[in-house]
Amino acid sequence: MNQTILSARIAQAKPLRYTPAGIPALDLTLEHESEALEAGQRRQIKVEIRAVAFGTDAETLARQAIGSSLRFTGFLAAFRHGKHPVLHVQSFQQDS
């Protein structure tokens, strides 16, 4: 199963674009900060990840302010035949 849930803030959003099929697409950079318990020790977690959204999700995210904190759900895939993971956003909501 490839499902990711990530609370993150929008650090960067490129202008809304359209695929050759005419589907809205938005490329994002997300930043996450938290604390986790690993091997009995507290660990500070900081990660920056690229993300992409399509369709109405892309259009809605394009209207969100930089710095908005949201909870993203999606799956990880390589970026255009690359080796680095990209979060493909399938849904999102305000982070509580």
PDB file of N, CA and C in Angstrom:
ATOM      1  N   MET A   1       0.844  -1.181   0.000  1.00  0.00           N
ATOM      2  CA  MET A   1       0.000   0.000   0.000  1.00  0.00           C
ATOM      3  C   MET A   1       0.887   1.242   0.000  1.00  0.00           C
ATOM      4  N   ASN A   2       0.532   2.201  -0.788  1.00  0.00           N
ATOM      5  CA  ASN A   2       1.292   3.445  -0.910  1.00  0.00           C
ATOM      6  C   ASN A   2       0.342   4.595  -0.600  1.00  0.00           C
ATOM      7  N   GLN A   3       0.227   4.915   0.688  1.00  0.00           N
ATOM      8  CA  GLN A   3      -0.603   6.040   1.107  1.00  0.00           C
ATOM      9  C   GLN A   3       0.176   6.856   2.119  1.00  0.00           C
ATOM     10  N   THR A   4       0.179   8.159   1.915  1.00  0.00           N
ATOM     11  CA  THR A   4       0.907   9.064   2.787  1.00  0.00           C
ATOM     12  C   THR A   4      -0.041  10.127   3.311  1.00  0.00           C
ATOM     13  N   ILE A   5       0.051  10.388   4.611  1.00  0.00           N
ATOM     14  CA  ILE A   5      -0.679  11.490   5.240  1.00  0.00           C
ATOM     15  C   ILE A   5       0.374  12.379   5.884  1.00  0.00           C
ATOM     16  N   LEU A   6       0.372  13.642   5.515  1.00  0.00           N
ATOM     17  CA  LEU A   6       1.406  14.557   5.974  1.00  0.00           C
ATOM     18  C   LEU A   6       0.805  15.900   6.341  1.00  0.00           C
ATOM     19  N   SER A   7       1.057  16.329   7.566  1.00  0.00           N
ATOM     20  CA  SER A   7       0.712  17.694   7.962  1.00  0.00           C
ATOM     21  C   SER A   7       1.898  18.566   7.575  1.00  0.00           C
ATOM     22  N   ALA A   8       1.627  19.580   6.772  1.00  0.00           N
ATOM     23  CA  ALA A   8       2.716  20.410   6.270  1.00  0.00           C
ATOM     24  C   ALA A   8       2.198  21.790   5.916  1.00  0.00           C
ATOM     25  N   ARG A   9       3.126  22.702   5.750  1.00  0.00           N
ATOM     26  CA  ARG A   9       2.761  24.037   5.293  1.00  0.00           C
ATOM     27  C   ARG A   9       3.246  24.210   3.867  1.00  0.00           C
ATOM     28  N   ILE A  10       2.521  24.999   3.117  1.00  0.00           N
ATOM     29  CA  ILE A  10       2.912  25.284   1.745  1.00  0.00           C
ATOM     30  C   ILE A  10       4.070  26.278   1.784  1.00  0.00           C
ATOM     31  N   ALA A  11       5.235  25.836   1.345  1.00  0.00           N
ATOM     32  CA  ALA A  11       6.412  26.695   1.341  1.00  0.00           C
ATOM     33  C   ALA A  11       6.557  27.432   0.012  1.00  0.00           C
ATOM     34  N   GLN A  12       6.109  26.769  -1.066  1.00  0.00           N
ATOM     35  CA  GLN A  12       6.229  27.362  -2.394  1.00  0.00           C
ATOM     36  C   GLN A  12       5.164  26.738  -3.288  1.00  0.00           C
ATOM     37  N   ALA A  13       4.614  27.529  -4.181  1.00  0.00           N
ATOM     38  CA  ALA A  13       3.666  27.037  -5.181  1.00  0.00           C
ATOM     39  C   ALA A  13       4.001  27.703  -6.503  1.00  0.00           C
ATOM     40  N   LYS A  14       4.195  26.894  -7.511  1.00  0.00           N
ATOM     41  CA  LYS A  14       4.435  27.436  -8.850  1.00  0.00           C
ATOM     42  C   LYS A  14       3.092  27.867  -9.440  1.00  0.00           C
ATOM     43  N   PRO A  15       3.105  28.641 -10.489  1.00  0.00           N
ATOM     44  CA  PRO A  15       1.831  29.033 -11.116  1.00  0.00           C
ATOM     45  C   PRO A  15       1.062  27.805 -11.608  1.00  0.00           C
ATOM     46  N   LEU A  16      -0.252  27.904 -11.533  1.00  0.00           N
ATOM     47  CA  LEU A  16      -1.114  26.834 -12.022  1.00  0.00           C
ATOM     48  C   LEU A  16      -0.811  26.600 -13.497  1.00  0.00           C
ATOM     49  N   ARG A  17      -0.688  25.337 -13.874  1.00  0.00           N
ATOM     50  CA  ARG A  17      -0.409  24.983 -15.266  1.00  0.00           C
ATOM     51  C   ARG A  17      -1.459  23.972 -15.716  1.00  0.00           C
ATOM     52  N   TYR A  18      -1.406  23.607 -16.967  1.00  0.00           N
ATOM     53  CA  TYR A  18      -2.349  22.635 -17.519  1.00  0.00           C
ATOM     54  C   TYR A  18      -1.579  21.549 -18.251  1.00  0.00           C
ATOM     55  N   THR A  19      -1.985  20.306 -18.060  1.00  0.00           N
ATOM     56  CA  THR A  19      -1.364  19.184 -18.755  1.00  0.00           C
ATOM     57  C   THR A  19      -1.761  19.246 -20.228  1.00  0.00           C
ATOM     58  N   PRO A  20      -1.100  18.487 -21.096  1.00  0.00           N
ATOM     59  CA  PRO A  20      -1.508  18.456 -22.506  1.00  0.00           C
ATOM     60  C   PRO A  20      -2.974  18.044 -22.689  1.00  0.00           C
ATOM     61  N   ALA A  21      -3.518  17.312 -21.722  1.00  0.00           N
ATOM     62  CA  ALA A  21      -4.935  16.910 -21.787  1.00  0.00           C
ATOM     63  C   ALA A  21      -5.864  17.998 -21.248  1.00  0.00           C
ATOM     64  N   GLY A  22      -5.288  19.127 -20.815  1.00  0.00           N
ATOM     65  CA  GLY A  22      -6.101  20.238 -20.315  1.00  0.00           C
ATOM     66  C   GLY A  22      -6.467  20.150 -18.849  1.00  0.00           C
ATOM     67  N   ILE A  23      -5.820  19.264 -18.097  1.00  0.00           N
ATOM     68  CA  ILE A  23      -6.110  19.105 -16.663  1.00  0.00           C
ATOM     69  C   ILE A  23      -5.259  20.090 -15.861  1.00  0.00           C
ATOM     70  N   PRO A  24      -5.879  20.864 -14.946  1.00  0.00           N
ATOM     71  CA  PRO A  24      -5.101  21.770 -14.105  1.00  0.00           C
ATOM     72  C   PRO A  24      -4.096  20.990 -13.256  1.00  0.00           C
ATOM     73  N   ALA A  25      -2.897  21.532 -13.100  1.00  0.00           N
ATOM     74  CA  ALA A  25      -1.847  20.906 -12.297  1.00  0.00           C
ATOM     75  C   ALA A  25      -1.106  21.987 -11.522  1.00  0.00           C
ATOM     76  N   LEU A  26      -0.711  21.641 -10.307  1.00  0.00           N
ATOM     77  CA  LEU A  26       0.005  22.597  -9.463  1.00  0.00           C
ATOM     78  C   LEU A  26       1.178  21.886  -8.804  1.00  0.00           C
ATOM     79  N   ASP A  27       2.372  22.452  -8.966  1.00  0.00           N
ATOM     80  CA  ASP A  27       3.577  21.931  -8.324  1.00  0.00           C
ATOM     81  C   ASP A  27       3.828  22.734  -7.054  1.00  0.00           C
ATOM     82  N   LEU A  28       4.074  22.009  -5.958  1.00  0.00           N
ATOM     83  CA  LEU A  28       4.236  22.619  -4.642  1.00  0.00           C
ATOM     84  C   LEU A  28       5.509  22.137  -3.975  1.00  0.00           C
ATOM     85  N   THR A  29       5.982  22.924  -3.028  1.00  0.00           N
ATOM     86  CA  THR A  29       6.991  22.476  -2.080  1.00  0.00           C
ATOM     87  C   THR A  29       6.344  22.570  -0.705  1.00  0.00           C
ATOM     88  N   LEU A  30       6.371  21.459   0.022  1.00  0.00           N
ATOM     89  CA  LEU A  30       5.767  21.389   1.351  1.00  0.00           C
ATOM     90  C   LEU A  30       6.860  21.246   2.397  1.00  0.00           C
ATOM     91  N   GLU A  31       6.655  21.871   3.561  1.00  0.00           N
ATOM     92  CA  GLU A  31       7.592  21.752   4.678  1.00  0.00           C
ATOM     93  C   GLU A  31       6.857  21.188   5.886  1.00  0.00           C
ATOM     94  N   HIS A  32       7.502  20.221   6.521  1.00  0.00           N
ATOM     95  CA  HIS A  32       6.930  19.573   7.707  1.00  0.00           C
ATOM     96  C   HIS A  32       7.944  19.658   8.839  1.00  0.00           C
ATOM     97  N   GLU A  33       7.449  19.968  10.036  1.00  0.00           N
ATOM     98  CA  GLU A  33       8.276  19.952  11.241  1.00  0.00           C
ATOM     99  C   GLU A  33       7.490  19.283  12.345  1.00  0.00           C
ATOM    100  N   SER A  34       8.146  18.365  13.054  1.00  0.00           N
ATOM    101  CA  SER A  34       7.497  17.701  14.182  1.00  0.00           C
ATOM    102  C   SER A  34       8.566  17.067  15.060  1.00  0.00           C
ATOM    103  N   GLU A  35       8.104  16.326  16.040  1.00  0.00           N
ATOM    104  CA  GLU A  35       8.979  15.593  16.931  1.00  0.00           C
ATOM    105  C   GLU A  35       8.480  14.161  16.984  1.00  0.00           C
ATOM    106  N   ALA A  36       9.404  13.209  16.960  1.00  0.00           N
ATOM    107  CA  ALA A  36       9.029  11.800  17.000  1.00  0.00           C
ATOM    108  C   ALA A  36       9.894  11.086  18.033  1.00  0.00           C
ATOM    109  N   LEU A  37       9.382   9.987  18.527  1.00  0.00           N
ATOM    110  CA  LEU A  37      10.124   9.136  19.448  1.00  0.00           C
ATOM    111  C   LEU A  37      10.725   7.996  18.636  1.00  0.00           C
ATOM    112  N   GLU A  38      12.046   7.884  18.659  1.00  0.00           N
ATOM    113  CA  GLU A  38      12.734   6.837  17.911  1.00  0.00           C
ATOM    114  C   GLU A  38      13.775   6.194  18.819  1.00  0.00           C
ATOM    115  N   ALA A  39      13.672   4.881  18.975  1.00  0.00           N
ATOM    116  CA  ALA A  39      14.594   4.129  19.832  1.00  0.00           C
ATOM    117  C   ALA A  39      14.672   4.742  21.230  1.00  0.00           C
ATOM    118  N   GLY A  40      13.530   5.201  21.727  1.00  0.00           N
ATOM    119  CA  GLY A  40      13.462   5.762  23.064  1.00  0.00           C
ATOM    120  C   GLY A  40      13.946   7.193  23.188  1.00  0.00           C
ATOM    121  N   GLN A  41      14.340   7.797  22.105  1.00  0.00           N
ATOM    122  CA  GLN A  41      14.863   9.163  22.120  1.00  0.00           C
ATOM    123  C   GLN A  41      13.969  10.078  21.293  1.00  0.00           C
ATOM    124  N   ARG A  42      13.837  11.318  21.753  1.00  0.00           N
ATOM    125  CA  ARG A  42      13.077  12.303  20.981  1.00  0.00           C
ATOM    126  C   ARG A  42      13.943  12.784  19.817  1.00  0.00           C
ATOM    127  N   ARG A  43      13.305  12.900  18.672  1.00  0.00           N
ATOM    128  CA  ARG A  43      14.012  13.330  17.468  1.00  0.00           C
ATOM    129  C   ARG A  43      13.229  14.441  16.797  1.00  0.00           C
ATOM    130  N   GLN A  44      13.928  15.521  16.443  1.00  0.00           N
ATOM    131  CA  GLN A  44      13.314  16.617  15.707  1.00  0.00           C
ATOM    132  C   GLN A  44      13.247  16.217  14.236  1.00  0.00           C
ATOM    133  N   ILE A  45      12.083  16.348  13.640  1.00  0.00           N
ATOM    134  CA  ILE A  45      11.888  15.999  12.244  1.00  0.00           C
ATOM    135  C   ILE A  45      11.655  17.278  11.454  1.00  0.00           C
ATOM    136  N   LYS A  46      12.441  17.462  10.413  1.00  0.00           N
ATOM    137  CA  LYS A  46      12.244  18.558   9.451  1.00  0.00           C
ATOM    138  C   LYS A  46      12.419  17.957   8.077  1.00  0.00           C
ATOM    139  N   VAL A  47      11.414  18.144   7.237  1.00  0.00           N
ATOM    140  CA  VAL A  47      11.505  17.599   5.887  1.00  0.00           C
ATOM    141  C   VAL A  47      10.837  18.547   4.905  1.00  0.00           C
ATOM    142  N   GLU A  48      11.427  18.630   3.729  1.00  0.00           N
ATOM    143  CA  GLU A  48      10.851  19.392   2.630  1.00  0.00           C
ATOM    144  C   GLU A  48      10.598  18.392   1.511  1.00  0.00           C
ATOM    145  N   ILE A  49       9.406  18.413   0.955  1.00  0.00           N
ATOM    146  CA  ILE A  49       9.058  17.460  -0.087  1.00  0.00           C
ATOM    147  C   ILE A  49       8.306  18.165  -1.208  1.00  0.00           C
ATOM    148  N   ARG A  50       8.582  17.725  -2.408  1.00  0.00           N
ATOM    149  CA  ARG A  50       7.834  18.251  -3.544  1.00  0.00           C
ATOM    150  C   ARG A  50       6.500  17.529  -3.612  1.00  0.00           C
ATOM    151  N   ALA A  51       5.499  18.237  -4.110  1.00  0.00           N
ATOM    152  CA  ALA A  51       4.161  17.669  -4.244  1.00  0.00           C
ATOM    153  C   ALA A  51       3.535  18.178  -5.530  1.00  0.00           C
ATOM    154  N   VAL A  52       2.537  17.449  -6.001  1.00  0.00           N
ATOM    155  CA  VAL A  52       1.798  17.862  -7.188  1.00  0.00           C
ATOM    156  C   VAL A  52       0.331  17.531  -6.961  1.00  0.00           C
ATOM    157  N   ALA A  53      -0.537  18.414  -7.425  1.00  0.00           N
ATOM    158  CA  ALA A  53      -1.988  18.194  -7.338  1.00  0.00           C
ATOM    159  C   ALA A  53      -2.575  18.430  -8.722  1.00  0.00           C
ATOM    160  N   PHE A  54      -3.654  17.719  -9.006  1.00  0.00           N
ATOM    161  CA  PHE A  54      -4.313  17.823 -10.306  1.00  0.00           C
ATOM    162  C   PHE A  54      -5.794  18.131 -10.129  1.00  0.00           C
ATOM    163  N   GLY A  55      -6.408  18.635 -11.188  1.00  0.00           N
ATOM    164  CA  GLY A  55      -7.853  18.860 -11.206  1.00  0.00           C
ATOM    165  C   GLY A  55      -8.292  19.961 -10.254  1.00  0.00           C
ATOM    166  N   THR A  56      -9.459  19.755  -9.647  1.00  0.00           N
ATOM    167  CA  THR A  56     -10.010  20.772  -8.744  1.00  0.00           C
ATOM    168  C   THR A  56      -9.139  20.970  -7.512  1.00  0.00           C
ATOM    169  N   ASP A  57      -8.422  19.913  -7.072  1.00  0.00           N
ATOM    170  CA  ASP A  57      -7.497  20.082  -5.946  1.00  0.00           C
ATOM    171  C   ASP A  57      -6.408  21.088  -6.307  1.00  0.00           C
ATOM    172  N   ALA A  58      -5.895  21.017  -7.521  1.00  0.00           N
ATOM    173  CA  ALA A  58      -4.865  21.962  -7.971  1.00  0.00           C
ATOM    174  C   ALA A  58      -5.410  23.383  -7.980  1.00  0.00           C
ATOM    175  N   GLU A  59      -6.619  23.543  -8.496  1.00  0.00           N
ATOM    176  CA  GLU A  59      -7.221  24.882  -8.558  1.00  0.00           C
ATOM    177  C   GLU A  59      -7.449  25.457  -7.159  1.00  0.00           C
ATOM    178  N   THR A  60      -7.908  24.624  -6.236  1.00  0.00           N
ATOM    179  CA  THR A  60      -8.165  25.086  -4.871  1.00  0.00           C
ATOM    180  C   THR A  60      -6.860  25.403  -4.153  1.00  0.00           C
ATOM    181  N   LEU A  61      -5.852  24.533  -4.291  1.00  0.00           N
ATOM    182  CA  LEU A  61      -4.566  24.774  -3.641  1.00  0.00           C
ATOM    183  C   LEU A  61      -3.873  26.012  -4.197  1.00  0.00           C
ATOM    184  N   ALA A  62      -4.089  26.325  -5.459  1.00  0.00           N
ATOM    185  CA  ALA A  62      -3.479  27.511  -6.059  1.00  0.00           C
ATOM    186  C   ALA A  62      -3.974  28.792  -5.390  1.00  0.00           C
ATOM    187  N   ARG A  63      -5.132  28.731  -4.750  1.00  0.00           N
ATOM    188  CA  ARG A  63      -5.692  29.904  -4.057  1.00  0.00           C
ATOM    189  C   ARG A  63      -5.271  29.970  -2.585  1.00  0.00           C
ATOM    190  N   GLN A  64      -4.581  28.959  -2.093  1.00  0.00           N
ATOM    191  CA  GLN A  64      -4.138  28.952  -0.697  1.00  0.00           C
ATOM    192  C   GLN A  64      -2.909  29.846  -0.542  1.00  0.00           C
ATOM    193  N   ALA A  65      -2.820  30.485   0.579  1.00  0.00           N
ATOM    194  CA  ALA A  65      -1.677  31.367   0.850  1.00  0.00           C
ATOM    195  C   ALA A  65      -0.426  30.543   1.151  1.00  0.00           C
ATOM    196  N   ILE A  66       0.714  31.065   0.730  1.00  0.00           N
ATOM    197  CA  ILE A  66       1.986  30.460   1.124  1.00  0.00           C
ATOM    198  C   ILE A  66       2.038  30.505   2.651  1.00  0.00           C
ATOM    199  N   GLY A  67       2.429  29.411   3.266  1.00  0.00           N
ATOM    200  CA  GLY A  67       2.462  29.315   4.722  1.00  0.00           C
ATOM    201  C   GLY A  67       1.242  28.632   5.299  1.00  0.00           C
ATOM    202  N   SER A  68       0.233  28.368   4.476  1.00  0.00           N
ATOM    203  CA  SER A  68      -0.970  27.672   4.949  1.00  0.00           C
ATOM    204  C   SER A  68      -0.606  26.279   5.427  1.00  0.00           C
ATOM    205  N   SER A  69      -1.140  25.903   6.588  1.00  0.00           N
ATOM    206  CA  SER A  69      -0.915  24.564   7.139  1.00  0.00           C
ATOM    207  C   SER A  69      -2.103  23.678   6.808  1.00  0.00           C
ATOM    208  N   LEU A  70      -1.820  22.558   6.160  1.00  0.00           N
ATOM    209  CA  LEU A  70      -2.859  21.637   5.720  1.00  0.00           C
ATOM    210  C   LEU A  70      -2.435  20.205   6.005  1.00  0.00           C
ATOM    211  N   ARG A  71      -3.391  19.303   5.996  1.00  0.00           N
ATOM    212  CA  ARG A  71      -3.108  17.869   6.088  1.00  0.00           C
ATOM    213  C   ARG A  71      -3.351  17.279   4.705  1.00  0.00           C
ATOM    214  N   PHE A  72      -2.288  16.758   4.104  1.00  0.00           N
ATOM    215  CA  PHE A  72      -2.333  16.225   2.752  1.00  0.00           C
ATOM    216  C   PHE A  72      -2.398  14.707   2.788  1.00  0.00           C
ATOM    217  N   THR A  73      -3.204  14.130   1.925  1.00  0.00           N
ATOM    218  CA  THR A  73      -3.268  12.685   1.749  1.00  0.00           C
ATOM    219  C   THR A  73      -2.989  12.389   0.285  1.00  0.00           C
ATOM    220  N   GLY A  74      -2.166  11.385   0.041  1.00  0.00           N
ATOM    221  CA  GLY A  74      -1.849  11.026  -1.326  1.00  0.00           C
ATOM    222  C   GLY A  74      -0.924   9.834  -1.391  1.00  0.00           C
ATOM    223  N   PHE A  75      -0.183   9.737  -2.482  1.00  0.00           N
ATOM    224  CA  PHE A  75       0.760   8.633  -2.650  1.00  0.00           C
ATOM    225  C   PHE A  75       2.081   9.188  -3.162  1.00  0.00           C
ATOM    226  N   LEU A  76       3.146   8.431  -2.947  1.00  0.00           N
ATOM    227  CA  LEU A  76       4.479   8.832  -3.384  1.00  0.00           C
ATOM    228  C   LEU A  76       4.820   8.177  -4.708  1.00  0.00           C
ATOM    229  N   ALA A  77       5.409   8.939  -5.607  1.00  0.00           N
ATOM    230  CA  ALA A  77       5.874   8.435  -6.893  1.00  0.00           C
ATOM    231  C   ALA A  77       7.117   9.220  -7.284  1.00  0.00           C
ATOM    232  N   ALA A  78       7.912   8.656  -8.168  1.00  0.00           N
ATOM    233  CA  ALA A  78       9.105   9.348  -8.657  1.00  0.00           C
ATOM    234  C   ALA A  78       8.683  10.506  -9.544  1.00  0.00           C
ATOM    235  N   PHE A  79       9.456  11.561  -9.530  1.00  0.00           N
ATOM    236  CA  PHE A  79       9.176  12.747 -10.329  1.00  0.00           C
ATOM    237  C   PHE A  79       9.698  12.550 -11.739  1.00  0.00           C
ATOM    238  N   ARG A  80       8.813  12.442 -12.674  1.00  0.00           N
ATOM    239  CA  ARG A  80       9.186  12.340 -14.099  1.00  0.00           C
ATOM    240  C   ARG A  80      10.392  11.441 -14.323  1.00  0.00           C
ATOM    241  N   HIS A  81      10.274  10.221 -13.927  1.00  0.00           N
ATOM    242  CA  HIS A  81      11.293   9.187 -14.109  1.00  0.00           C
ATOM    243  C   HIS A  81      12.541   9.455 -13.272  1.00  0.00           C
ATOM    244  N   GLY A  82      12.409  10.253 -12.265  1.00  0.00           N
ATOM    245  CA  GLY A  82      13.544  10.541 -11.392  1.00  0.00           C
ATOM    246  C   GLY A  82      13.592   9.590 -10.214  1.00  0.00           C
ATOM    247  N   LYS A  83      14.472   9.891  -9.289  1.00  0.00           N
ATOM    248  CA  LYS A  83      14.654   9.037  -8.121  1.00  0.00           C
ATOM    249  C   LYS A  83      14.076   9.645  -6.849  1.00  0.00           C
ATOM    250  N   HIS A  84      13.727  10.918  -6.894  1.00  0.00           N
ATOM    251  CA  HIS A  84      13.244  11.586  -5.694  1.00  0.00           C
ATOM    252  C   HIS A  84      11.724  11.484  -5.608  1.00  0.00           C
ATOM    253  N   PRO A  85      11.208  11.205  -4.423  1.00  0.00           N
ATOM    254  CA  PRO A  85       9.752  11.056  -4.299  1.00  0.00           C
ATOM    255  C   PRO A  85       9.015  12.391  -4.390  1.00  0.00           C
ATOM    256  N   VAL A  86       7.828  12.313  -4.946  1.00  0.00           N
ATOM    257  CA  VAL A  86       6.913  13.451  -5.031  1.00  0.00           C
ATOM    258  C   VAL A  86       5.594  12.977  -4.456  1.00  0.00           C
ATOM    259  N   LEU A  87       5.010  13.791  -3.577  1.00  0.00           N
ATOM    260  CA  LEU A  87       3.694  13.471  -3.027  1.00  0.00           C
ATOM    261  C   LEU A  87       2.629  13.883  -4.035  1.00  0.00           C
ATOM    262  N   HIS A  88       1.876  12.923  -4.530  1.00  0.00           N
ATOM    263  CA  HIS A  88       0.748  13.199  -5.425  1.00  0.00           C
ATOM    264  C   HIS A  88      -0.477  13.376  -4.533  1.00  0.00           C
ATOM    265  N   VAL A  89      -0.931  14.609  -4.407  1.00  0.00           N
ATOM    266  CA  VAL A  89      -2.008  14.960  -3.484  1.00  0.00           C
ATOM    267  C   VAL A  89      -3.339  14.458  -4.045  1.00  0.00           C
ATOM    268  N   GLN A  90      -4.036  13.671  -3.233  1.00  0.00           N
ATOM    269  CA  GLN A  90      -5.371  13.185  -3.603  1.00  0.00           C
ATOM    270  C   GLN A  90      -6.474  13.902  -2.832  1.00  0.00           C
ATOM    271  N   SER A  91      -6.122  14.417  -1.658  1.00  0.00           N
ATOM    272  CA  SER A  91      -7.064  15.225  -0.875  1.00  0.00           C
ATOM    273  C   SER A  91      -6.277  16.035   0.141  1.00  0.00           C
ATOM    274  N   PHE A  92      -6.929  17.040   0.694  1.00  0.00           N
ATOM    275  CA  PHE A  92      -6.296  17.864   1.732  1.00  0.00           C
ATOM    276  C   PHE A  92      -7.394  18.525   2.541  1.00  0.00           C
ATOM    277  N   GLN A  93      -7.035  18.946   3.743  1.00  0.00           N
ATOM    278  CA  GLN A  93      -7.960  19.650   4.621  1.00  0.00           C
ATOM    279  C   GLN A  93      -7.165  20.527   5.571  1.00  0.00           C
ATOM    280  N   GLN A  94      -7.854  21.455   6.187  1.00  0.00           N
ATOM    281  CA  GLN A  94      -7.217  22.314   7.181  1.00  0.00           C
ATOM    282  C   GLN A  94      -6.623  21.433   8.262  1.00  0.00           C
ATOM    283  N   ASP A  95      -5.409  21.744   8.691  1.00  0.00           N
ATOM    284  CA  ASP A  95      -4.746  20.980   9.738  1.00  0.00           C
ATOM    285  C   ASP A  95      -5.197  21.533  11.089  1.00  0.00           C
ATOM    286  N   SER A  96      -5.612  20.639  11.943  1.00  0.00           N
ATOM    287  CA  SER A  96      -6.102  21.095  13.262  1.00  0.00           C
ATOM    288  C   SER A  96      -5.014  21.187  14.288  1.00  0.00           C
TER     289      SER A  96
END
